[in-house]
Amino acid sequence: MEQRQITLENLNIIGPDYYAKNGYPHAEWTYLRAHDPVHWTEFPNTDPFWAITKHADIVQIAKQPKLFSIVKRLLVFVPDQPSEPDPVPPFRHLLNMDPPEHGEYRSIVSRRFTPRAVRELEPEIDRIAREVLDGVTGKTQCDFVTDVSSRVPLAVIAELLGVPRKDWDQLFRWTNETIGGADPEFQDGTSQDETFERARLGLFQYFTDLVNEKTKRPANDITSIVAAASVNGTPMPQFEMLSYFLLLVVAGNETTRNATTGGLLALIENREQWDRLKKNPALIKPAVEEIVRWTTPVIQFARTATEDTEIRGRKIKAGESVCLFYPSANRDEEVFDNPCKFDIGRDPNPHIAFGIGEHFCLGANLARLELEVIFRQLVERMEYAELAGPVERLRSSFVGGIKHMPIKMKLNPARQ
């Protein structure tokens, strides 16, 4: 971890290399919350923006979609080289739509993600998690990311979409390349932009073929629902349809994977909380909420002011961007008691790791259930776990990813 005297002049809160090397810049965010919570930020290769680090300000902005639009700038993206803005966005889905269009597209599958609908999936998620853990039972060491945490959410979203099991590994590669295009591990000799474009086109072609198949033979899966969907009485345009699938695959896999990995890491590093959960498994629900707060897998989204406005006395001009740093909000001293303590019994826990407002995560109920199931089984079956090597983080300032986490462990067979 880098150690340096933090000032407003030397802050680094958006550089992908910093995140890969150090993890989240919590010290910098803490400094900004105290000294300049609405901070004008300039960084190489990306347009300047206002860094928003306080919980209340992020909630305020997110609940005003007319004043702060998500269409013009979805996130603060930092390419390796200066580049001209692409006049044609590479996708168009829920994340970069404002109301009322956002609501129209969201409603297409929202009934499949209600608490009741998701709870019906619990036996299947339980089976998937058990099979994944069975695959490492008896081993004394594994890479928790590639062997466990990546496999459960990928299997769940793939089954919901109706993707055959033989194609799951390919979906996994595409999601890594979509989110981790800036990471050398996933570039395969290409540039950041080329890696992302390869994954996007691969996903688009795959779901074009799958939609054609589901149109001929509909099934009880989300791909069939989206393929038959209409927006304002007309069939969903193909570009928006394919973007929809890209979002579901990536969001349904990456965030839960990283919350699972970061959650186990937090329990390893806070052994008293692991012992507490082992002694009282009834704490699983608040533990999941604390894991989500602690990890906050999505680091930031951006909004663009549609007219001149003001936040905490800082004048935001029309056309300027604000960047909402959710992990900072989730450690806001004005909202959380002892926010830098990992506490599985935390109550209340008003984190905004799933977002806030109309862009609240569509899959939040599913993510919570997956995490409940995974950690319930880990508590039952895992006698101990400890790190067996360095934690390798994704080179990204958008998703707080962990690529590899080798652990030593003892995992017992599932109860019959």
Protein backbone atom coordinates (compact mmCIF):
# COMPACT_ATOMS: atom_id res chain seq x y z
CA MET A 1 0.00 0.00 0.00
CA GLU A 2 1.33 3.39 -0.98
CA GLN A 3 2.13 5.69 1.93
CA ARG A 4 2.30 9.40 1.24
CA GLN A 5 1.12 12.72 2.60
CA ILE A 6 -2.26 13.37 1.00
CA THR A 7 -3.06 16.84 -0.31
CA LEU A 8 -5.63 18.17 -2.77
CA GLU A 9 -2.81 18.53 -5.29
CA ASN A 10 -1.53 14.94 -5.28
CA LEU A 11 -4.77 12.96 -5.03
CA ASN A 12 -5.14 9.87 -7.21
CA ILE A 13 -8.72 8.62 -7.05
CA ILE A 14 -9.32 7.45 -10.60
CA GLY A 15 -6.10 5.94 -11.98
CA PRO A 16 -6.52 2.22 -12.86
CA ASP A 17 -2.89 1.46 -11.99
CA TYR A 18 -3.43 2.81 -8.48
CA TYR A 19 -6.42 0.51 -7.95
CA ALA A 20 -4.52 -2.52 -9.24
CA LYS A 21 -1.62 -1.85 -6.90
CA ASN A 22 -3.35 -0.51 -3.79
CA GLY A 23 -7.04 -1.34 -3.90
CA TYR A 24 -9.55 1.40 -3.11
CA PRO A 25 -8.14 4.85 -2.24
CA HIS A 26 -10.01 5.04 1.07
CA ALA A 27 -7.45 7.38 2.62
CA GLU A 28 -7.93 9.83 -0.25
CA TRP A 29 -11.71 9.62 -0.08
CA THR A 30 -11.60 10.17 3.69
CA TYR A 31 -9.46 13.25 3.09
CA LEU A 32 -11.90 14.57 0.48
CA ARG A 33 -14.95 13.99 2.67
CA ALA A 34 -13.28 16.13 5.32
CA HIS A 35 -11.69 18.83 3.17
CA ASP A 36 -13.37 19.04 -0.26
CA PRO A 37 -16.32 16.67 -0.72
CA VAL A 38 -17.21 18.23 -4.09
CA HIS A 39 -13.74 18.28 -5.67
CA TRP A 40 -12.84 19.41 -9.19
CA THR A 41 -10.60 16.68 -10.61
CA GLU A 42 -8.37 16.63 -13.66
CA PHE A 43 -6.64 13.43 -14.72
CA PRO A 44 -4.71 12.46 -17.88
CA ASN A 45 -6.65 11.05 -20.86
CA THR A 46 -10.12 11.75 -19.46
CA ASP A 47 -12.39 14.76 -19.27
CA PRO A 48 -12.38 16.60 -15.90
CA PHE A 49 -15.15 15.97 -13.39
CA TRP A 50 -16.41 16.82 -9.91
CA ALA A 51 -15.60 14.02 -7.44
CA ILE A 52 -18.58 13.45 -5.12
CA THR A 53 -17.62 11.58 -1.96
CA LYS A 54 -20.38 12.18 0.61
CA HIS A 55 -23.35 9.84 1.07
CA ALA A 56 -25.98 12.62 1.18
CA ASP A 57 -24.68 14.30 -1.97
CA ILE A 58 -24.67 11.07 -3.98
CA VAL A 59 -28.25 10.33 -2.87
CA GLN A 60 -29.30 13.88 -3.76
CA ILE A 61 -27.77 13.69 -7.25
CA ALA A 62 -29.04 10.20 -8.00
CA LYS A 63 -32.61 11.19 -7.17
CA GLN A 64 -32.61 14.08 -9.66
CA PRO A 65 -32.32 12.44 -13.11
CA LYS A 66 -33.64 15.51 -14.93
CA LEU A 67 -30.94 17.72 -13.42
CA PHE A 68 -28.20 15.08 -13.56
CA SER A 69 -28.42 12.93 -16.70
CA ILE A 70 -26.66 9.60 -17.08
CA VAL A 71 -26.88 9.57 -20.89
CA LYS A 72 -23.87 11.71 -21.84
CA ARG A 73 -21.30 10.13 -19.54
CA LEU A 74 -21.92 6.77 -17.88
CA LEU A 75 -18.65 6.65 -15.94
CA VAL A 76 -15.21 8.22 -15.74
CA PHE A 77 -13.30 6.03 -18.15
CA VAL A 78 -9.51 6.35 -18.24
CA PRO A 79 -8.02 4.96 -21.47
CA ASP A 80 -4.32 4.25 -21.77
CA GLN A 81 -4.00 6.80 -24.57
CA PRO A 82 -5.88 10.03 -25.33
CA SER A 83 -8.77 9.26 -27.64
CA GLU A 84 -11.54 11.13 -29.35
CA PRO A 85 -15.03 10.41 -28.01
CA ASP A 86 -16.76 7.79 -30.11
CA PRO A 87 -19.86 9.39 -31.67
CA VAL A 88 -21.62 6.03 -31.51
CA PRO A 89 -21.71 4.48 -27.99
CA PRO A 90 -20.70 0.80 -27.95
CA PHE A 91 -23.96 -0.17 -26.26
CA ARG A 92 -27.26 1.29 -25.14
CA HIS A 93 -28.91 -0.29 -22.11
CA LEU A 94 -30.53 0.50 -18.76
CA LEU A 95 -27.42 2.07 -17.28
CA ASN A 96 -27.21 4.84 -19.86
CA MET A 97 -30.91 5.64 -20.18
CA ASP A 98 -32.77 8.42 -18.39
CA PRO A 99 -36.47 8.33 -17.43
CA PRO A 100 -38.98 7.67 -18.81
CA GLU A 101 -37.19 5.41 -21.29
CA HIS A 102 -35.23 3.73 -18.49
CA GLY A 103 -38.44 2.60 -16.78
CA GLU A 104 -39.90 1.24 -20.00
CA TYR A 105 -36.87 -0.97 -20.64
CA ARG A 106 -36.44 -1.96 -16.98
CA SER A 107 -40.03 -3.22 -16.75
CA ILE A 108 -39.36 -5.87 -19.42
CA VAL A 109 -37.64 -8.22 -16.97
CA SER A 110 -38.20 -6.56 -13.58
CA ARG A 111 -40.82 -9.13 -12.52
CA ARG A 112 -38.13 -11.84 -12.73
CA PHE A 113 -36.10 -10.00 -10.09
CA THR A 114 -38.74 -9.24 -7.45
CA PRO A 115 -38.08 -10.60 -3.94
CA ARG A 116 -40.71 -13.30 -4.40
CA ALA A 117 -39.50 -14.39 -7.85
CA VAL A 118 -35.89 -14.48 -6.71
CA ARG A 119 -36.66 -16.42 -3.53
CA GLU A 120 -38.10 -19.20 -5.71
CA LEU A 121 -34.61 -19.62 -7.17
CA GLU A 122 -33.06 -20.45 -3.81
CA PRO A 123 -33.09 -24.27 -4.19
CA GLU A 124 -31.35 -23.98 -7.56
CA ILE A 125 -28.78 -21.47 -6.28
CA ASP A 126 -28.20 -23.72 -3.28
CA ARG A 127 -27.55 -26.66 -5.60
CA ILE A 128 -25.15 -24.65 -7.76
CA ALA A 129 -23.18 -23.40 -4.74
CA ARG A 130 -23.00 -26.92 -3.29
CA GLU A 131 -21.66 -28.33 -6.57
CA VAL A 132 -19.05 -25.59 -6.84
CA LEU A 133 -17.84 -26.13 -3.27
CA ASP A 134 -17.86 -29.91 -3.80
CA GLY A 135 -15.36 -29.27 -6.60
CA VAL A 136 -12.77 -27.95 -4.14
CA THR A 137 -13.66 -30.14 -1.15
CA GLY A 138 -10.65 -32.20 -0.13
CA LYS A 139 -8.19 -29.71 -1.57
CA THR A 140 -5.91 -27.85 0.81
CA GLN A 141 -5.48 -24.86 -1.50
CA CYS A 142 -7.36 -23.16 -4.31
CA ASP A 143 -7.75 -19.87 -6.14
CA PHE A 144 -10.98 -18.71 -4.55
CA VAL A 145 -11.85 -16.48 -7.51
CA THR A 146 -11.44 -18.90 -10.39
CA ASP A 147 -12.50 -21.99 -8.43
CA VAL A 148 -15.43 -20.64 -6.39
CA SER A 149 -16.58 -17.02 -6.41
CA SER A 150 -16.69 -16.60 -10.19
CA ARG A 151 -18.53 -19.86 -10.81
CA VAL A 152 -21.69 -19.43 -8.76
CA PRO A 153 -23.04 -16.11 -10.13
CA LEU A 154 -22.02 -17.04 -13.66
CA ALA A 155 -23.95 -20.31 -13.45
CA VAL A 156 -27.01 -18.56 -11.97
CA ILE A 157 -27.24 -15.81 -14.61
CA ALA A 158 -26.46 -18.27 -17.41
CA GLU A 159 -29.31 -20.54 -16.32
CA LEU A 160 -31.69 -17.58 -16.00
CA LEU A 161 -30.78 -16.54 -19.54
CA GLY A 162 -31.09 -20.07 -20.89
CA VAL A 163 -27.42 -20.30 -21.94
CA PRO A 164 -26.25 -23.93 -22.35
CA ARG A 165 -23.61 -25.10 -19.89
CA LYS A 166 -21.09 -25.73 -22.69
CA ASP A 167 -20.98 -21.96 -23.33
CA TRP A 168 -20.48 -20.78 -19.73
CA ASP A 169 -16.68 -20.61 -19.93
CA GLN A 170 -16.91 -18.42 -23.03
CA LEU A 171 -19.33 -16.09 -21.24
CA PHE A 172 -16.83 -15.89 -18.39
CA ARG A 173 -14.04 -14.84 -20.77
CA TRP A 174 -16.21 -12.17 -22.41
CA THR A 175 -17.24 -10.65 -19.08
CA ASN A 176 -13.59 -10.50 -17.96
CA GLU A 177 -12.65 -8.74 -21.18
CA THR A 178 -15.60 -6.34 -21.00
CA ILE A 179 -14.88 -5.19 -17.45
CA GLY A 180 -11.15 -5.83 -17.43
CA GLY A 181 -10.14 -4.62 -20.88
CA ALA A 182 -7.57 -2.34 -19.27
CA ASP A 183 -5.94 -5.27 -17.49
CA PRO A 184 -3.00 -6.91 -19.33
CA GLU A 185 -4.14 -10.38 -18.23
CA PHE A 186 -7.26 -10.15 -20.39
CA GLN A 187 -5.87 -8.26 -23.40
CA ASP A 188 -4.31 -11.22 -25.21
CA GLY A 189 -1.88 -9.02 -27.14
CA THR A 190 -4.44 -6.39 -28.07
CA SER A 191 -5.11 -2.88 -26.78
CA GLN A 192 -7.66 -1.92 -24.14
CA ASP A 193 -10.15 -0.72 -26.77
CA GLU A 194 -9.59 -3.77 -28.98
CA THR A 195 -10.10 -6.13 -26.04
CA PHE A 196 -13.38 -4.50 -25.11
CA GLU A 197 -14.59 -4.44 -28.72
CA ARG A 198 -13.71 -8.12 -29.22
CA ALA A 199 -15.74 -9.07 -26.15
CA ARG A 200 -18.67 -6.84 -27.10
CA LEU A 201 -18.88 -8.21 -30.62
CA GLY A 202 -18.53 -11.77 -29.35
CA LEU A 203 -21.40 -11.31 -26.90
CA PHE A 204 -23.54 -9.56 -29.50
CA GLN A 205 -23.07 -12.33 -32.06
CA TYR A 206 -23.69 -15.04 -29.47
CA PHE A 207 -26.97 -13.51 -28.32
CA THR A 208 -28.05 -12.79 -31.89
CA ASP A 209 -27.88 -16.53 -32.50
CA LEU A 210 -29.49 -17.38 -29.17
CA VAL A 211 -32.37 -14.94 -29.77
CA ASN A 212 -33.01 -16.53 -33.18
CA GLU A 213 -33.19 -19.92 -31.49
CA LYS A 214 -35.47 -18.70 -28.68
CA THR A 215 -37.75 -16.95 -31.17
CA LYS A 216 -38.33 -20.29 -32.87
CA ARG A 217 -38.51 -22.27 -29.62
CA PRO A 218 -39.38 -19.95 -26.68
CA ALA A 219 -38.61 -21.18 -23.17
CA ASN A 220 -39.14 -19.97 -19.62
CA ASP A 221 -35.98 -17.89 -19.58
CA ILE A 222 -35.01 -14.23 -19.75
CA THR A 223 -33.62 -14.48 -23.29
CA SER A 224 -37.05 -15.57 -24.54
CA ILE A 225 -38.72 -12.71 -22.63
CA VAL A 226 -36.37 -10.06 -24.04
CA ALA A 227 -36.55 -11.53 -27.55
CA ALA A 228 -40.34 -11.12 -27.52
CA ALA A 229 -40.34 -7.73 -25.78
CA SER A 230 -41.93 -4.55 -27.11
CA VAL A 231 -41.22 -0.97 -26.11
CA ASN A 232 -44.09 1.45 -26.58
CA GLY A 233 -45.86 -1.08 -28.77
CA THR A 234 -42.95 -1.81 -31.12
CA PRO A 235 -40.36 -4.61 -30.99
CA MET A 236 -37.20 -3.75 -29.09
CA PRO A 237 -34.50 -2.53 -31.53
CA GLN A 238 -31.73 -5.07 -32.04
CA PHE A 239 -28.92 -2.82 -30.76
CA GLU A 240 -30.80 -2.14 -27.51
CA MET A 241 -31.72 -5.84 -27.21
CA LEU A 242 -28.12 -7.00 -27.56
CA SER A 243 -26.94 -4.29 -25.16
CA TYR A 244 -29.55 -5.57 -22.68
CA PHE A 245 -27.99 -9.02 -22.75
CA LEU A 246 -24.48 -7.62 -22.36
CA LEU A 247 -25.58 -5.75 -19.25
CA LEU A 248 -27.34 -8.77 -17.73
CA VAL A 249 -24.36 -11.07 -18.31
CA VAL A 250 -21.70 -8.66 -17.05
CA ALA A 251 -23.63 -7.15 -14.14
CA GLY A 252 -25.04 -10.54 -13.12
CA ASN A 253 -21.58 -12.01 -12.86
CA GLU A 254 -18.91 -9.45 -12.03
CA THR A 255 -20.39 -7.65 -9.03
CA THR A 256 -21.51 -10.72 -7.08
CA ARG A 257 -18.22 -12.45 -7.83
CA ASN A 258 -16.26 -9.54 -6.38
CA ALA A 259 -18.53 -9.15 -3.35
CA THR A 260 -18.06 -12.87 -2.61
CA THR A 261 -14.28 -12.66 -2.93
CA GLY A 262 -14.00 -9.42 -0.98
CA GLY A 263 -16.37 -10.77 1.64
CA LEU A 264 -14.23 -13.83 2.35
CA LEU A 265 -11.12 -11.63 2.35
CA ALA A 266 -12.76 -9.38 4.96
CA LEU A 267 -13.62 -12.40 7.11
CA ILE A 268 -10.05 -13.73 6.81
CA GLU A 269 -8.63 -10.35 7.79
CA ASN A 270 -11.16 -9.91 10.62
CA ARG A 271 -11.02 -13.33 12.21
CA GLU A 272 -13.23 -12.33 15.14
CA GLN A 273 -16.06 -11.64 12.70
CA TRP A 274 -15.59 -15.06 11.08
CA ASP A 275 -15.78 -16.71 14.52
CA ARG A 276 -18.83 -14.63 15.34
CA LEU A 277 -20.61 -15.76 12.16
CA LYS A 278 -19.64 -19.40 12.76
CA LYS A 279 -21.14 -19.25 16.26
CA ASN A 280 -24.28 -17.43 15.13
CA PRO A 281 -25.27 -18.28 11.52
CA ALA A 282 -28.48 -16.27 12.05
CA LEU A 283 -26.31 -13.20 11.38
CA ILE A 284 -26.02 -14.18 7.71
CA LYS A 285 -28.40 -11.47 6.41
CA PRO A 286 -26.75 -8.52 8.20
CA ALA A 287 -23.37 -10.08 7.35
CA VAL A 288 -24.28 -9.98 3.65
CA GLU A 289 -25.28 -6.32 3.92
CA GLU A 290 -21.98 -5.52 5.62
CA ILE A 291 -20.06 -7.46 2.99
CA VAL A 292 -21.80 -5.46 0.27
CA ARG A 293 -21.10 -2.16 2.08
CA TRP A 294 -17.49 -3.12 2.76
CA THR A 295 -16.69 -4.27 -0.78
CA THR A 296 -18.98 -1.94 -2.81
CA PRO A 297 -17.97 -3.66 -6.08
CA VAL A 298 -19.10 -0.82 -8.38
CA ILE A 299 -16.73 2.06 -7.67
CA GLN A 300 -18.32 4.88 -9.62
CA PHE A 301 -20.87 6.10 -12.11
CA ALA A 302 -21.07 9.58 -13.58
CA ARG A 303 -23.85 12.08 -14.25
CA THR A 304 -23.86 15.26 -16.36
CA ALA A 305 -25.54 18.46 -15.16
CA THR A 306 -28.27 19.59 -17.57
CA GLU A 307 -28.30 23.13 -16.15
CA ASP A 308 -26.26 25.24 -13.78
CA THR A 309 -26.67 24.10 -10.19
CA GLU A 310 -24.87 24.00 -6.86
CA ILE A 311 -23.72 21.31 -4.42
CA ARG A 312 -22.31 22.29 -1.02
CA GLY A 313 -21.67 25.77 -2.33
CA ARG A 314 -19.71 24.58 -5.38
CA LYS A 315 -21.14 25.84 -8.67
CA ILE A 316 -21.66 23.02 -11.16
CA LYS A 317 -22.08 24.31 -14.72
CA ALA A 318 -24.38 22.75 -17.30
CA GLY A 319 -22.42 20.12 -19.22
CA GLU A 320 -19.99 19.37 -16.40
CA SER A 321 -19.74 15.84 -15.02
CA VAL A 322 -20.05 14.61 -11.47
CA CYS A 323 -18.53 11.26 -10.50
CA LEU A 324 -20.30 9.41 -7.69
CA PHE A 325 -17.86 7.37 -5.59
CA TYR A 326 -20.04 4.78 -3.85
CA PRO A 327 -17.33 3.15 -1.67
CA SER A 328 -16.60 6.58 -0.19
CA ALA A 329 -20.28 7.16 0.57
CA ASN A 330 -20.38 3.79 2.30
CA ARG A 331 -17.68 4.89 4.74
CA ASP A 332 -19.15 8.32 5.41
CA GLU A 333 -18.60 9.18 9.08
CA GLU A 334 -21.86 11.14 9.19
CA VAL A 335 -23.86 8.06 8.22
CA PHE A 336 -22.05 5.05 9.69
CA ASP A 337 -20.72 4.55 13.21
CA ASN A 338 -17.10 3.45 13.09
CA PRO A 339 -17.29 3.14 9.28
CA CYS A 340 -13.81 1.64 8.85
CA LYS A 341 -14.69 -1.36 11.03
CA PHE A 342 -16.02 -4.52 9.37
CA ASP A 343 -19.02 -5.43 11.55
CA ILE A 344 -21.30 -8.27 10.43
CA GLY A 345 -23.95 -7.21 12.94
CA ARG A 346 -24.09 -3.58 11.76
CA ASP A 347 -27.55 -2.10 12.25
CA PRO A 348 -28.66 0.17 10.71
CA ASN A 349 -26.71 -0.22 7.50
CA PRO A 350 -28.00 2.30 4.92
CA HIS A 351 -25.31 1.56 2.34
CA ILE A 352 -25.82 2.50 -1.31
CA ALA A 353 -23.66 -0.18 -2.89
CA PHE A 354 -26.60 -1.13 -5.11
CA GLY A 355 -27.12 2.49 -6.11
CA ILE A 356 -30.07 4.71 -5.33
CA GLY A 357 -33.04 6.13 -7.24
CA GLU A 358 -34.37 4.70 -10.50
CA HIS A 359 -30.96 3.20 -11.28
CA PHE A 360 -31.03 1.04 -8.16
CA CYS A 361 -29.55 -2.31 -9.17
CA LEU A 362 -32.12 -4.46 -10.96
CA GLY A 363 -30.46 -7.62 -9.66
CA ALA A 364 -30.00 -6.53 -6.02
CA ASN A 365 -32.42 -9.17 -4.69
CA LEU A 366 -30.65 -11.88 -6.69
CA ALA A 367 -27.21 -10.73 -5.57
CA ARG A 368 -28.27 -10.72 -1.92
CA LEU A 369 -29.69 -14.24 -2.19
CA GLU A 370 -26.59 -15.58 -3.94
CA LEU A 371 -24.37 -14.09 -1.24
CA GLU A 372 -26.62 -15.51 1.51
CA VAL A 373 -26.44 -18.98 0.00
CA ILE A 374 -22.69 -18.90 -0.64
CA PHE A 375 -21.72 -17.63 2.80
CA ARG A 376 -24.21 -19.88 4.57
CA GLN A 377 -22.54 -22.87 2.94
CA LEU A 378 -19.05 -21.54 3.62
CA VAL A 379 -19.90 -21.08 7.30
CA GLU A 380 -21.24 -24.63 7.46
CA ARG A 381 -18.43 -26.32 5.56
CA MET A 382 -15.25 -24.28 5.90
CA GLU A 383 -13.25 -25.00 9.05
CA TYR A 384 -10.64 -22.37 8.27
CA ALA A 385 -9.23 -20.26 5.45
CA GLU A 386 -6.16 -18.08 5.15
CA LEU A 387 -4.37 -16.33 2.32
CA ALA A 388 -1.81 -18.47 0.52
CA GLY A 389 -0.35 -15.71 -1.64
CA PRO A 390 -0.87 -12.13 -2.78
CA VAL A 391 -4.31 -10.85 -3.73
CA GLU A 392 -4.25 -9.73 -7.39
CA ARG A 393 -6.60 -6.85 -8.17
CA LEU A 394 -8.13 -5.85 -11.46
CA ARG A 395 -6.65 -2.84 -13.24
CA SER A 396 -9.88 -0.87 -13.19
CA SER A 397 -11.27 2.23 -11.52
CA PHE A 398 -14.84 1.20 -12.39
CA VAL A 399 -15.23 -2.25 -10.84
CA GLY A 400 -13.32 -3.21 -7.71
CA GLY A 401 -12.32 -6.60 -8.97
CA ILE A 402 -10.07 -9.25 -7.48
CA LYS A 403 -8.67 -11.50 -10.22
CA HIS A 404 -6.93 -14.05 -8.04
CA MET A 405 -7.01 -14.89 -4.34
CA PRO A 406 -5.10 -18.05 -3.42
CA ILE A 407 -6.19 -19.51 -0.10
CA LYS A 408 -5.29 -22.42 2.14
CA MET A 409 -8.38 -24.02 3.57
CA LYS A 410 -10.15 -27.01 4.96
CA LEU A 411 -13.59 -27.58 3.46
CA ASN A 412 -15.82 -30.38 4.71
CA PRO A 413 -18.32 -32.31 2.57
CA ALA A 414 -21.87 -30.97 2.45
CA ARG A 415 -24.29 -32.19 5.07
CA GLN A 416 -26.56 -34.91 3.79
